[in-house]
PDB file of N, CA and C in Angstrom:
ATOM      1  N   MET A   1     137.108  38.897 -71.541  1.00  0.00           N
ATOM      2  CA  MET A   1     136.817  37.678 -70.808  1.00  0.00           C
ATOM      3  C   MET A   1     137.893  37.448 -69.747  1.00  0.00           C
ATOM      4  N   GLU A   2     137.477  37.088 -68.581  1.00  0.00           N
ATOM      5  CA  GLU A   2     138.388  36.893 -67.467  1.00  0.00           C
ATOM      6  C   GLU A   2     139.167  35.582 -67.631  1.00  0.00           C
ATOM      7  N   GLU A   3     140.452  35.628 -67.305  1.00  0.00           N
ATOM      8  CA  GLU A   3     141.296  34.433 -67.333  1.00  0.00           C
ATOM      9  C   GLU A   3     141.239  33.757 -65.971  1.00  0.00           C
ATOM     10  N   PHE A   4     141.210  32.460 -65.970  1.00  0.00           N
ATOM     11  CA  PHE A   4     141.143  31.711 -64.722  1.00  0.00           C
ATOM     12  C   PHE A   4     142.357  30.824 -64.530  1.00  0.00           C
ATOM     13  N   ASN A   5     143.422  31.123 -65.244  1.00  0.00           N
ATOM     14  CA  ASN A   5     144.633  30.339 -65.110  1.00  0.00           C
ATOM     15  C   ASN A   5     145.307  30.628 -63.777  1.00  0.00           C
ATOM     16  N   THR A   6     145.848  29.603 -63.188  1.00  0.00           N
ATOM     17  CA  THR A   6     146.576  29.724 -61.930  1.00  0.00           C
ATOM     18  C   THR A   6     147.957  29.116 -62.131  1.00  0.00           C
ATOM     19  N   GLN A   7     148.800  29.311 -61.179  1.00  0.00           N
ATOM     20  CA  GLN A   7     150.122  28.693 -61.188  1.00  0.00           C
ATOM     21  C   GLN A   7     150.224  27.638 -60.085  1.00  0.00           C
ATOM     22  N   TRP A   8     149.076  27.120 -59.676  1.00  0.00           N
ATOM     23  CA  TRP A   8     149.051  26.150 -58.587  1.00  0.00           C
ATOM     24  C   TRP A   8     149.822  24.884 -58.942  1.00  0.00           C
ATOM     25  N   THR A   9     150.402  24.293 -57.915  1.00  0.00           N
ATOM     26  CA  THR A   9     150.945  22.942 -58.020  1.00  0.00           C
ATOM     27  C   THR A   9     149.769  21.977 -57.830  1.00  0.00           C
ATOM     28  N   ARG A  10     150.024  20.709 -57.987  1.00  0.00           N
ATOM     29  CA  ARG A  10     148.964  19.723 -57.758  1.00  0.00           C
ATOM     30  C   ARG A  10     148.473  19.772 -56.309  1.00  0.00           C
ATOM     31  N   GLU A  11     149.392  19.950 -55.371  1.00  0.00           N
ATOM     32  CA  GLU A  11     149.007  20.011 -53.961  1.00  0.00           C
ATOM     33  C   GLU A  11     148.176  21.261 -53.674  1.00  0.00           C
ATOM     34  N   GLU A  12     148.538  22.379 -54.269  1.00  0.00           N
ATOM     35  CA  GLU A  12     147.762  23.605 -54.076  1.00  0.00           C
ATOM     36  C   GLU A  12     146.368  23.467 -54.680  1.00  0.00           C
ATOM     37  N   LEU A  13     146.288  22.842 -55.838  1.00  0.00           N
ATOM     38  CA  LEU A  13     144.978  22.584 -56.442  1.00  0.00           C
ATOM     39  C   LEU A  13     144.140  21.704 -55.530  1.00  0.00           C
ATOM     40  N   LYS A  14     144.740  20.655 -55.024  1.00  0.00           N
ATOM     41  CA  LYS A  14     144.021  19.741 -54.133  1.00  0.00           C
ATOM     42  C   LYS A  14     143.525  20.492 -52.893  1.00  0.00           C
ATOM     43  N   ALA A  15     144.363  21.340 -52.334  1.00  0.00           N
ATOM     44  CA  ALA A  15     143.964  22.127 -51.159  1.00  0.00           C
ATOM     45  C   ALA A  15     142.786  23.034 -51.509  1.00  0.00           C
ATOM     46  N   TYR A  16     142.857  23.694 -52.657  1.00  0.00           N
ATOM     47  CA  TYR A  16     141.779  24.591 -53.085  1.00  0.00           C
ATOM     48  C   TYR A  16     140.474  23.800 -53.260  1.00  0.00           C
ATOM     49  N   ILE A  17     140.558  22.642 -53.898  1.00  0.00           N
ATOM     50  CA  ILE A  17     139.368  21.817 -54.102  1.00  0.00           C
ATOM     51  C   ILE A  17     138.774  21.397 -52.756  1.00  0.00           C
ATOM     52  N   LEU A  18     139.618  20.995 -51.822  1.00  0.00           N
ATOM     53  CA  LEU A  18     139.086  20.569 -50.529  1.00  0.00           C
ATOM     54  C   LEU A  18     138.499  21.743 -49.753  1.00  0.00           C
ATOM     55  N   LEU A  19     139.090  22.920 -49.879  1.00  0.00           N
ATOM     56  CA  LEU A  19     138.474  24.107 -49.272  1.00  0.00           C
ATOM     57  C   LEU A  19     137.109  24.367 -49.906  1.00  0.00           C
ATOM     58  N   TYR A  20     137.037  24.252 -51.219  1.00  0.00           N
ATOM     59  CA  TYR A  20     135.773  24.430 -51.931  1.00  0.00           C
ATOM     60  C   TYR A  20     134.733  23.423 -51.425  1.00  0.00           C
ATOM     61  N   CYS A  21     135.154  22.186 -51.289  1.00  0.00           N
ATOM     62  CA  CYS A  21     134.236  21.137 -50.834  1.00  0.00           C
ATOM     63  C   CYS A  21     133.807  21.347 -49.380  1.00  0.00           C
ATOM     64  N   SER A  22     134.692  21.886 -48.567  1.00  0.00           N
ATOM     65  CA  SER A  22     134.348  22.095 -47.160  1.00  0.00           C
ATOM     66  C   SER A  22     133.216  23.101 -47.003  1.00  0.00           C
ATOM     67  N   GLN A  23     132.957  23.872 -48.039  1.00  0.00           N
ATOM     68  CA  GLN A  23     131.891  24.865 -48.004  1.00  0.00           C
ATOM     69  C   GLN A  23     130.592  24.363 -48.654  1.00  0.00           C
ATOM     70  N   ALA A  24     130.532  23.090 -48.983  1.00  0.00           N
ATOM     71  CA  ALA A  24     129.363  22.523 -49.673  1.00  0.00           C
ATOM     72  C   ALA A  24     128.071  22.789 -48.918  1.00  0.00           C
ATOM     73  N   ASP A  25     128.131  22.677 -47.601  1.00  0.00           N
ATOM     74  CA  ASP A  25     126.941  22.915 -46.786  1.00  0.00           C
ATOM     75  C   ASP A  25     126.985  24.305 -46.142  1.00  0.00           C
ATOM     76  N   PHE A  26     127.794  25.181 -46.736  1.00  0.00           N
ATOM     77  CA  PHE A  26     127.916  26.586 -46.337  1.00  0.00           C
ATOM     78  C   PHE A  26     128.552  26.789 -44.969  1.00  0.00           C
ATOM     79  N   GLU A  27     129.171  25.735 -44.435  1.00  0.00           N
ATOM     80  CA  GLU A  27     129.837  25.846 -43.147  1.00  0.00           C
ATOM     81  C   GLU A  27     130.968  24.832 -43.080  1.00  0.00           C
ATOM     82  N   GLU A  28     132.175  25.331 -42.876  1.00  0.00           N
ATOM     83  CA  GLU A  28     133.333  24.446 -42.720  1.00  0.00           C
ATOM     84  C   GLU A  28     133.368  23.998 -41.263  1.00  0.00           C
ATOM     85  N   SER A  29     133.198  22.705 -41.049  1.00  0.00           N
ATOM     86  CA  SER A  29     133.182  22.190 -39.678  1.00  0.00           C
ATOM     87  C   SER A  29     134.601  22.207 -39.101  1.00  0.00           C
ATOM     88  N   THR A  30     134.669  22.122 -37.789  1.00  0.00           N
ATOM     89  CA  THR A  30     135.967  22.061 -37.105  1.00  0.00           C
ATOM     90  C   THR A  30     136.759  20.857 -37.597  1.00  0.00           C
ATOM     91  N   GLU A  31     136.081  19.735 -37.783  1.00  0.00           N
ATOM     92  CA  GLU A  31     136.749  18.522 -38.254  1.00  0.00           C
ATOM     93  C   GLU A  31     137.319  18.723 -39.658  1.00  0.00           C
ATOM     94  N   GLU A  32     136.561  19.378 -40.521  1.00  0.00           N
ATOM     95  CA  GLU A  32     137.031  19.642 -41.884  1.00  0.00           C
ATOM     96  C   GLU A  32     138.243  20.567 -41.878  1.00  0.00           C
ATOM     97  N   THR A  33     138.203  21.600 -41.045  1.00  0.00           N
ATOM     98  CA  THR A  33     139.329  22.523 -40.941  1.00  0.00           C
ATOM     99  C   THR A  33     140.579  21.780 -40.469  1.00  0.00           C
ATOM    100  N   LYS A  34     140.435  20.958 -39.439  1.00  0.00           N
ATOM    101  CA  LYS A  34     141.579  20.182 -38.917  1.00  0.00           C
ATOM    102  C   LYS A  34     142.113  19.242 -39.981  1.00  0.00           C
ATOM    103  N   TYR A  35     141.222  18.586 -40.707  1.00  0.00           N
ATOM    104  CA  TYR A  35     141.624  17.656 -41.765  1.00  0.00           C
ATOM    105  C   TYR A  35     142.443  18.379 -42.833  1.00  0.00           C
ATOM    106  N   ILE A  36     141.964  19.508 -43.287  1.00  0.00           N
ATOM    107  CA  ILE A  36     142.651  20.261 -44.340  1.00  0.00           C
ATOM    108  C   ILE A  36     143.991  20.784 -43.836  1.00  0.00           C
ATOM    109  N   ASN A  37     144.017  21.355 -42.635  1.00  0.00           N
ATOM    110  CA  ASN A  37     145.264  21.884 -42.091  1.00  0.00           C
ATOM    111  C   ASN A  37     146.305  20.784 -41.897  1.00  0.00           C
ATOM    112  N   ALA A  38     145.874  19.615 -41.432  1.00  0.00           N
ATOM    113  CA  ALA A  38     146.807  18.502 -41.221  1.00  0.00           C
ATOM    114  C   ALA A  38     147.324  17.945 -42.542  1.00  0.00           C
ATOM    115  N   LYS A  39     146.470  17.899 -43.541  1.00  0.00           N
ATOM    116  CA  LYS A  39     146.829  17.328 -44.840  1.00  0.00           C
ATOM    117  C   LYS A  39     147.822  18.202 -45.597  1.00  0.00           C
ATOM    118  N   PHE A  40     147.776  19.496 -45.355  1.00  0.00           N
ATOM    119  CA  PHE A  40     148.602  20.422 -46.137  1.00  0.00           C
ATOM    120  C   PHE A  40     149.537  21.246 -45.259  1.00  0.00           C
ATOM    121  N   LYS A  41     150.178  20.598 -44.303  1.00  0.00           N
ATOM    122  CA  LYS A  41     151.099  21.287 -43.402  1.00  0.00           C
ATOM    123  C   LYS A  41     152.231  21.974 -44.153  1.00  0.00           C
ATOM    124  N   ALA A  42     152.689  21.382 -45.242  1.00  0.00           N
ATOM    125  CA  ALA A  42     153.822  21.929 -45.988  1.00  0.00           C
ATOM    126  C   ALA A  42     153.443  23.130 -46.856  1.00  0.00           C
ATOM    127  N   LEU A  43     152.162  23.346 -47.055  1.00  0.00           N
ATOM    128  CA  LEU A  43     151.702  24.460 -47.893  1.00  0.00           C
ATOM    129  C   LEU A  43     151.347  25.665 -47.035  1.00  0.00           C
ATOM    130  N   ASN A  44     151.335  26.817 -47.670  1.00  0.00           N
ATOM    131  CA  ASN A  44     150.806  28.011 -47.022  1.00  0.00           C
ATOM    132  C   ASN A  44     149.294  27.992 -47.249  1.00  0.00           C
ATOM    133  N   ILE A  45     148.616  27.204 -46.443  1.00  0.00           N
ATOM    134  CA  ILE A  45     147.178  26.995 -46.621  1.00  0.00           C
ATOM    135  C   ILE A  45     146.404  28.301 -46.461  1.00  0.00           C
ATOM    136  N   GLU A  46     146.922  29.221 -45.654  1.00  0.00           N
ATOM    137  CA  GLU A  46     146.216  30.487 -45.462  1.00  0.00           C
ATOM    138  C   GLU A  46     146.201  31.318 -46.739  1.00  0.00           C
ATOM    139  N   ALA A  47     147.262  31.247 -47.536  1.00  0.00           N
ATOM    140  CA  ALA A  47     147.280  31.966 -48.815  1.00  0.00           C
ATOM    141  C   ALA A  47     146.246  31.369 -49.767  1.00  0.00           C
ATOM    142  N   ILE A  48     146.140  30.056 -49.771  1.00  0.00           N
ATOM    143  CA  ILE A  48     145.153  29.392 -50.624  1.00  0.00           C
ATOM    144  C   ILE A  48     143.747  29.702 -50.114  1.00  0.00           C
ATOM    145  N   ARG A  49     143.576  29.676 -48.802  1.00  0.00           N
ATOM    146  CA  ARG A  49     142.278  30.000 -48.205  1.00  0.00           C
ATOM    147  C   ARG A  49     141.882  31.444 -48.539  1.00  0.00           C
ATOM    148  N   SER A  50     142.843  32.349 -48.500  1.00  0.00           N
ATOM    149  CA  SER A  50     142.574  33.757 -48.816  1.00  0.00           C
ATOM    150  C   SER A  50     142.129  33.904 -50.269  1.00  0.00           C
ATOM    151  N   GLU A  51     142.807  33.207 -51.168  1.00  0.00           N
ATOM    152  CA  GLU A  51     142.394  33.251 -52.573  1.00  0.00           C
ATOM    153  C   GLU A  51     140.993  32.673 -52.725  1.00  0.00           C
ATOM    154  N   PHE A  52     140.753  31.531 -52.094  1.00  0.00           N
ATOM    155  CA  PHE A  52     139.437  30.902 -52.161  1.00  0.00           C
ATOM    156  C   PHE A  52     138.353  31.847 -51.644  1.00  0.00           C
ATOM    157  N   ASP A  53     138.621  32.490 -50.520  1.00  0.00           N
ATOM    158  CA  ASP A  53     137.630  33.395 -49.924  1.00  0.00           C
ATOM    159  C   ASP A  53     137.300  34.570 -50.842  1.00  0.00           C
ATOM    160  N   GLY A  54     138.231  34.952 -51.708  1.00  0.00           N
ATOM    161  CA  GLY A  54     137.996  36.059 -52.633  1.00  0.00           C
ATOM    162  C   GLY A  54     137.289  35.664 -53.910  1.00  0.00           C
ATOM    163  N   ASP A  55     137.106  34.362 -54.125  1.00  0.00           N
ATOM    164  CA  ASP A  55     136.475  33.865 -55.348  1.00  0.00           C
ATOM    165  C   ASP A  55     135.002  33.556 -55.120  1.00  0.00           C
ATOM    166  N   ASN A  56     134.203  33.789 -56.153  1.00  0.00           N
ATOM    167  CA  ASN A  56     132.817  33.330 -56.088  1.00  0.00           C
ATOM    168  C   ASN A  56     132.762  31.904 -56.646  1.00  0.00           C
ATOM    169  N   ASP A  57     131.595  31.303 -56.634  1.00  0.00           N
ATOM    170  CA  ASP A  57     131.445  29.910 -57.058  1.00  0.00           C
ATOM    171  C   ASP A  57     131.889  29.712 -58.509  1.00  0.00           C
ATOM    172  N   TYR A  58     131.480  30.608 -59.384  1.00  0.00           N
ATOM    173  CA  TYR A  58     131.849  30.511 -60.796  1.00  0.00           C
ATOM    174  C   TYR A  58     133.371  30.568 -60.965  1.00  0.00           C
ATOM    175  N   GLN A  59     134.015  31.510 -60.290  1.00  0.00           N
ATOM    176  CA  GLN A  59     135.469  31.634 -60.387  1.00  0.00           C
ATOM    177  C   GLN A  59     136.160  30.374 -59.866  1.00  0.00           C
ATOM    178  N   SER A  60     135.664  29.834 -58.772  1.00  0.00           N
ATOM    179  CA  SER A  60     136.250  28.622 -58.208  1.00  0.00           C
ATOM    180  C   SER A  60     136.191  27.467 -59.205  1.00  0.00           C
ATOM    181  N   ILE A  61     135.027  27.251 -59.782  1.00  0.00           N
ATOM    182  CA  ILE A  61     134.855  26.163 -60.757  1.00  0.00           C
ATOM    183  C   ILE A  61     135.776  26.368 -61.957  1.00  0.00           C
ATOM    184  N   GLN A  62     135.839  27.582 -62.468  1.00  0.00           N
ATOM    185  CA  GLN A  62     136.678  27.850 -63.635  1.00  0.00           C
ATOM    186  C   GLN A  62     138.157  27.646 -63.315  1.00  0.00           C
ATOM    187  N   LYS A  63     138.584  28.057 -62.135  1.00  0.00           N
ATOM    188  CA  LYS A  63     139.974  27.856 -61.734  1.00  0.00           C
ATOM    189  C   LYS A  63     140.292  26.374 -61.587  1.00  0.00           C
ATOM    190  N   ILE A  64     139.379  25.632 -60.993  1.00  0.00           N
ATOM    191  CA  ILE A  64     139.581  24.186 -60.831  1.00  0.00           C
ATOM    192  C   ILE A  64     139.694  23.526 -62.195  1.00  0.00           C
ATOM    193  N   LYS A  65     138.757  23.836 -63.094  1.00  0.00           N
ATOM    194  CA  LYS A  65     138.791  23.242 -64.443  1.00  0.00           C
ATOM    195  C   LYS A  65     140.092  23.580 -65.160  1.00  0.00           C
ATOM    196  N   ALA A  66     140.497  24.835 -65.117  1.00  0.00           N
ATOM    197  CA  ALA A  66     141.711  25.262 -65.814  1.00  0.00           C
ATOM    198  C   ALA A  66     142.952  24.589 -65.223  1.00  0.00           C
ATOM    199  N   ALA A  67     143.007  24.464 -63.909  1.00  0.00           N
ATOM    200  CA  ALA A  67     144.175  23.856 -63.267  1.00  0.00           C
ATOM    201  C   ALA A  67     144.246  22.352 -63.546  1.00  0.00           C
ATOM    202  N   VAL A  68     143.115  21.671 -63.502  1.00  0.00           N
ATOM    203  CA  VAL A  68     143.092  20.236 -63.806  1.00  0.00           C
ATOM    204  C   VAL A  68     143.577  20.007 -65.236  1.00  0.00           C
ATOM    205  N   ASP A  69     143.134  20.858 -66.137  1.00  0.00           N
ATOM    206  CA  ASP A  69     143.555  20.752 -67.534  1.00  0.00           C
ATOM    207  C   ASP A  69     145.051  21.057 -67.674  1.00  0.00           C
ATOM    208  N   ARG A  70     145.508  22.138 -67.064  1.00  0.00           N
ATOM    209  CA  ARG A  70     146.907  22.551 -67.175  1.00  0.00           C
ATOM    210  C   ARG A  70     147.848  21.517 -66.570  1.00  0.00           C
ATOM    211  N   LEU A  71     147.414  20.882 -65.492  1.00  0.00           N
ATOM    212  CA  LEU A  71     148.258  19.902 -64.805  1.00  0.00           C
ATOM    213  C   LEU A  71     148.138  18.499 -65.408  1.00  0.00           C
ATOM    214  N   HIS A  72     147.358  18.373 -66.482  1.00  0.00           N
ATOM    215  CA  HIS A  72     147.230  17.120 -67.246  1.00  0.00           C
ATOM    216  C   HIS A  72     146.870  15.924 -66.362  1.00  0.00           C
ATOM    217  N   TYR A  73     145.833  16.109 -65.570  1.00  0.00           N
ATOM    218  CA  TYR A  73     145.371  15.009 -64.726  1.00  0.00           C
ATOM    219  C   TYR A  73     144.873  13.861 -65.596  1.00  0.00           C
ATOM    220  N   LYS A  74     145.278  12.681 -65.238  1.00  0.00           N
ATOM    221  CA  LYS A  74     144.814  11.459 -65.892  1.00  0.00           C
ATOM    222  C   LYS A  74     143.769  10.805 -64.983  1.00  0.00           C
ATOM    223  N   LYS A  75     143.202   9.726 -65.472  1.00  0.00           N
ATOM    224  CA  LYS A  75     142.137   9.013 -64.755  1.00  0.00           C
ATOM    225  C   LYS A  75     142.553   8.646 -63.319  1.00  0.00           C
ATOM    226  N   GLU A  76     143.794   8.187 -63.149  1.00  0.00           N
ATOM    227  CA  GLU A  76     144.266   7.774 -61.824  1.00  0.00           C
ATOM    228  C   GLU A  76     144.331   8.968 -60.870  1.00  0.00           C
ATOM    229  N   GLY A  77     144.808  10.097 -61.369  1.00  0.00           N
ATOM    230  CA  GLY A  77     144.889  11.304 -60.547  1.00  0.00           C
ATOM    231  C   GLY A  77     143.523  11.820 -60.146  1.00  0.00           C
ATOM    232  N   ILE A  78     142.592  11.726 -61.069  1.00  0.00           N
ATOM    233  CA  ILE A  78     141.210  12.136 -60.782  1.00  0.00           C
ATOM    234  C   ILE A  78     140.623  11.230 -59.705  1.00  0.00           C
ATOM    235  N   ALA A  79     140.897   9.936 -59.790  1.00  0.00           N
ATOM    236  CA  ALA A  79     140.385   8.981 -58.798  1.00  0.00           C
ATOM    237  C   ALA A  79     140.926   9.307 -57.406  1.00  0.00           C
ATOM    238  N   VAL A  80     142.187   9.705 -57.318  1.00  0.00           N
ATOM    239  CA  VAL A  80     142.779  10.082 -56.031  1.00  0.00           C
ATOM    240  C   VAL A  80     142.094  11.336 -55.490  1.00  0.00           C
ATOM    241  N   LEU A  81     141.869  12.324 -56.352  1.00  0.00           N
ATOM    242  CA  LEU A  81     141.165  13.535 -55.928  1.00  0.00           C
ATOM    243  C   LEU A  81     139.772  13.196 -55.401  1.00  0.00           C
ATOM    244  N   GLU A  82     139.054  12.364 -56.119  1.00  0.00           N
ATOM    245  CA  GLU A  82     137.698  11.992 -55.708  1.00  0.00           C
ATOM    246  C   GLU A  82     137.712  11.266 -54.357  1.00  0.00           C
ATOM    247  N   LYS A  83     138.708  10.416 -54.153  1.00  0.00           N
ATOM    248  CA  LYS A  83     138.836   9.695 -52.881  1.00  0.00           C
ATOM    249  C   LYS A  83     139.059  10.680 -51.733  1.00  0.00           C
ATOM    250  N   GLU A  84     139.921  11.665 -51.952  1.00  0.00           N
ATOM    251  CA  GLU A  84     140.212  12.632 -50.904  1.00  0.00           C
ATOM    252  C   GLU A  84     139.020  13.557 -50.635  1.00  0.00           C
ATOM    253  N   ILE A  85     138.255  13.845 -51.664  1.00  0.00           N
ATOM    254  CA  ILE A  85     137.030  14.631 -51.477  1.00  0.00           C
ATOM    255  C   ILE A  85     136.057  13.843 -50.594  1.00  0.00           C
ATOM    256  N   LYS A  86     135.898  12.556 -50.875  1.00  0.00           N
ATOM    257  CA  LYS A  86     135.007  11.716 -50.060  1.00  0.00           C
ATOM    258  C   LYS A  86     135.474  11.678 -48.611  1.00  0.00           C
ATOM    259  N   GLU A  87     136.794  11.543 -48.416  1.00  0.00           N
ATOM    260  CA  GLU A  87     137.342  11.518 -47.056  1.00  0.00           C
ATOM    261  C   GLU A  87     136.982  12.808 -46.312  1.00  0.00           C
ATOM    262  N   LEU A  88     137.138  13.936 -46.986  1.00  0.00           N
ATOM    263  CA  LEU A  88     136.794  15.214 -46.360  1.00  0.00           C
ATOM    264  C   LEU A  88     135.318  15.256 -45.995  1.00  0.00           C
ATOM    265  N   PHE A  89     134.463  14.837 -46.913  1.00  0.00           N
ATOM    266  CA  PHE A  89     133.029  14.879 -46.648  1.00  0.00           C
ATOM    267  C   PHE A  89     132.642  13.991 -45.462  1.00  0.00           C
ATOM    268  N   LEU A  90     133.375  12.912 -45.249  1.00  0.00           N
ATOM    269  CA  LEU A  90     133.027  11.970 -44.181  1.00  0.00           C
ATOM    270  C   LEU A  90     133.730  12.263 -42.863  1.00  0.00           C
ATOM    271  N   VAL A  91     134.645  13.226 -42.842  1.00  0.00           N
ATOM    272  CA  VAL A  91     135.427  13.500 -41.640  1.00  0.00           C
ATOM    273  C   VAL A  91     134.568  13.960 -40.469  1.00  0.00           C
ATOM    274  N   ASP A  92     133.434  14.580 -40.740  1.00  0.00           N
ATOM    275  CA  ASP A  92     132.554  15.014 -39.661  1.00  0.00           C
ATOM    276  C   ASP A  92     131.457  13.998 -39.366  1.00  0.00           C
ATOM    277  N   GLY A  93     131.564  12.817 -39.973  1.00  0.00           N
ATOM    278  CA  GLY A  93     130.665  11.723 -39.647  1.00  0.00           C
ATOM    279  C   GLY A  93     129.411  11.613 -40.476  1.00  0.00           C
ATOM    280  N   GLU A  94     129.187  12.551 -41.388  1.00  0.00           N
ATOM    281  CA  GLU A  94     127.978  12.463 -42.206  1.00  0.00           C
ATOM    282  C   GLU A  94     128.218  13.024 -43.601  1.00  0.00           C
ATOM    283  N   LEU A  95     127.486  12.499 -44.530  1.00  0.00           N
ATOM    284  CA  LEU A  95     127.511  12.981 -45.911  1.00  0.00           C
ATOM    285  C   LEU A  95     126.107  13.483 -46.207  1.00  0.00           C
ATOM    286  N   ASP A  96     125.948  14.812 -46.154  1.00  0.00           N
ATOM    287  CA  ASP A  96     124.604  15.356 -46.347  1.00  0.00           C
ATOM    288  C   ASP A  96     124.295  15.557 -47.824  1.00  0.00           C
ATOM    289  N   THR A  97     123.077  15.953 -48.110  1.00  0.00           N
ATOM    290  CA  THR A  97     122.598  16.104 -49.483  1.00  0.00           C
ATOM    291  C   THR A  97     123.406  17.132 -50.269  1.00  0.00           C
ATOM    292  N   LEU A  98     123.744  18.246 -49.653  1.00  0.00           N
ATOM    293  CA  LEU A  98     124.529  19.272 -50.349  1.00  0.00           C
ATOM    294  C   LEU A  98     125.912  18.747 -50.727  1.00  0.00           C
ATOM    295  N   GLU A  99     126.515  17.987 -49.826  1.00  0.00           N
ATOM    296  CA  GLU A  99     127.825  17.398 -50.119  1.00  0.00           C
ATOM    297  C   GLU A  99     127.716  16.368 -51.236  1.00  0.00           C
ATOM    298  N   LYS A 100     126.688  15.549 -51.193  1.00  0.00           N
ATOM    299  CA  LYS A 100     126.483  14.573 -52.264  1.00  0.00           C
ATOM    300  C   LYS A 100     126.329  15.259 -53.613  1.00  0.00           C
ATOM    301  N   ASN A 101     125.530  16.307 -53.644  1.00  0.00           N
ATOM    302  CA  ASN A 101     125.309  17.024 -54.901  1.00  0.00           C
ATOM    303  C   ASN A 101     126.573  17.688 -55.411  1.00  0.00           C
ATOM    304  N   LEU A 102     127.339  18.286 -54.515  1.00  0.00           N
ATOM    305  CA  LEU A 102     128.599  18.904 -54.932  1.00  0.00           C
ATOM    306  C   LEU A 102     129.554  17.841 -55.462  1.00  0.00           C
ATOM    307  N   PHE A 103     129.602  16.687 -54.803  1.00  0.00           N
ATOM    308  CA  PHE A 103     130.479  15.615 -55.253  1.00  0.00           C
ATOM    309  C   PHE A 103     130.109  15.161 -56.668  1.00  0.00           C
ATOM    310  N   ILE A 104     128.831  15.015 -56.934  1.00  0.00           N
ATOM    311  CA  ILE A 104     128.378  14.617 -58.272  1.00  0.00           C
ATOM    312  C   ILE A 104     128.802  15.664 -59.302  1.00  0.00           C
ATOM    313  N   GLY A 105     128.596  16.935 -58.972  1.00  0.00           N
ATOM    314  CA  GLY A 105     128.972  18.007 -59.895  1.00  0.00           C
ATOM    315  C   GLY A 105     130.479  18.054 -60.127  1.00  0.00           C
ATOM    316  N   LEU A 106     131.260  17.918 -59.081  1.00  0.00           N
ATOM    317  CA  LEU A 106     132.719  17.936 -59.229  1.00  0.00           C
ATOM    318  C   LEU A 106     133.219  16.735 -60.037  1.00  0.00           C
ATOM    319  N   LYS A 107     132.594  15.584 -59.818  1.00  0.00           N
ATOM    320  CA  LYS A 107     132.978  14.406 -60.604  1.00  0.00           C
ATOM    321  C   LYS A 107     132.820  14.685 -62.093  1.00  0.00           C
ATOM    322  N   HIS A 108     131.722  15.310 -62.472  1.00  0.00           N
ATOM    323  CA  HIS A 108     131.498  15.643 -63.882  1.00  0.00           C
ATOM    324  C   HIS A 108     132.569  16.611 -64.383  1.00  0.00           C
ATOM    325  N   ILE A 109     132.868  17.613 -63.592  1.00  0.00           N
ATOM    326  CA  ILE A 109     133.884  18.595 -63.984  1.00  0.00           C
ATOM    327  C   ILE A 109     135.250  17.927 -64.110  1.00  0.00           C
ATOM    328  N   LEU A 110     135.627  17.145 -63.135  1.00  0.00           N
ATOM    329  CA  LEU A 110     136.952  16.525 -63.123  1.00  0.00           C
ATOM    330  C   LEU A 110     137.093  15.474 -64.223  1.00  0.00           C
ATOM    331  N   GLU A 111     136.076  14.683 -64.409  1.00  0.00           N
ATOM    332  CA  GLU A 111     136.166  13.593 -65.385  1.00  0.00           C
ATOM    333  C   GLU A 111     135.998  14.048 -66.823  1.00  0.00           C
ATOM    334  N   ASP A 112     135.471  15.246 -67.028  1.00  0.00           N
ATOM    335  CA  ASP A 112     135.299  15.765 -68.383  1.00  0.00           C
ATOM    336  C   ASP A 112     136.534  16.474 -68.899  1.00  0.00           C
ATOM    337  N   GLN A 113     137.534  16.624 -68.073  1.00  0.00           N
ATOM    338  CA  GLN A 113     138.756  17.323 -68.486  1.00  0.00           C
ATOM    339  C   GLN A 113     139.638  16.415 -69.320  1.00  0.00           C
TER     340      GLN A 113
END
């Protein structure tokens, strides 16, 4: 069985989640890219992006779940993540059906940890 443990910090996890969310509609908009790059200036976002690009959907979900668990996210931390996910989804001016569905699914994953 494949291990999905990472050594991400909370900021790296957040960056990975936002990269994952930016692909909800199968296209990362220019606004989403700018938002992510501006939010994580202190991180090597390209290394996180490279890891994300090498993962399939199942691997991404498993890594997110494992990291949230390992980093002992509490209700308040989950609420902050959800807020930032919403901000990303709205940065291009619209929240489409695919983004809404991904948000619902991520909420279940994050809140069940």
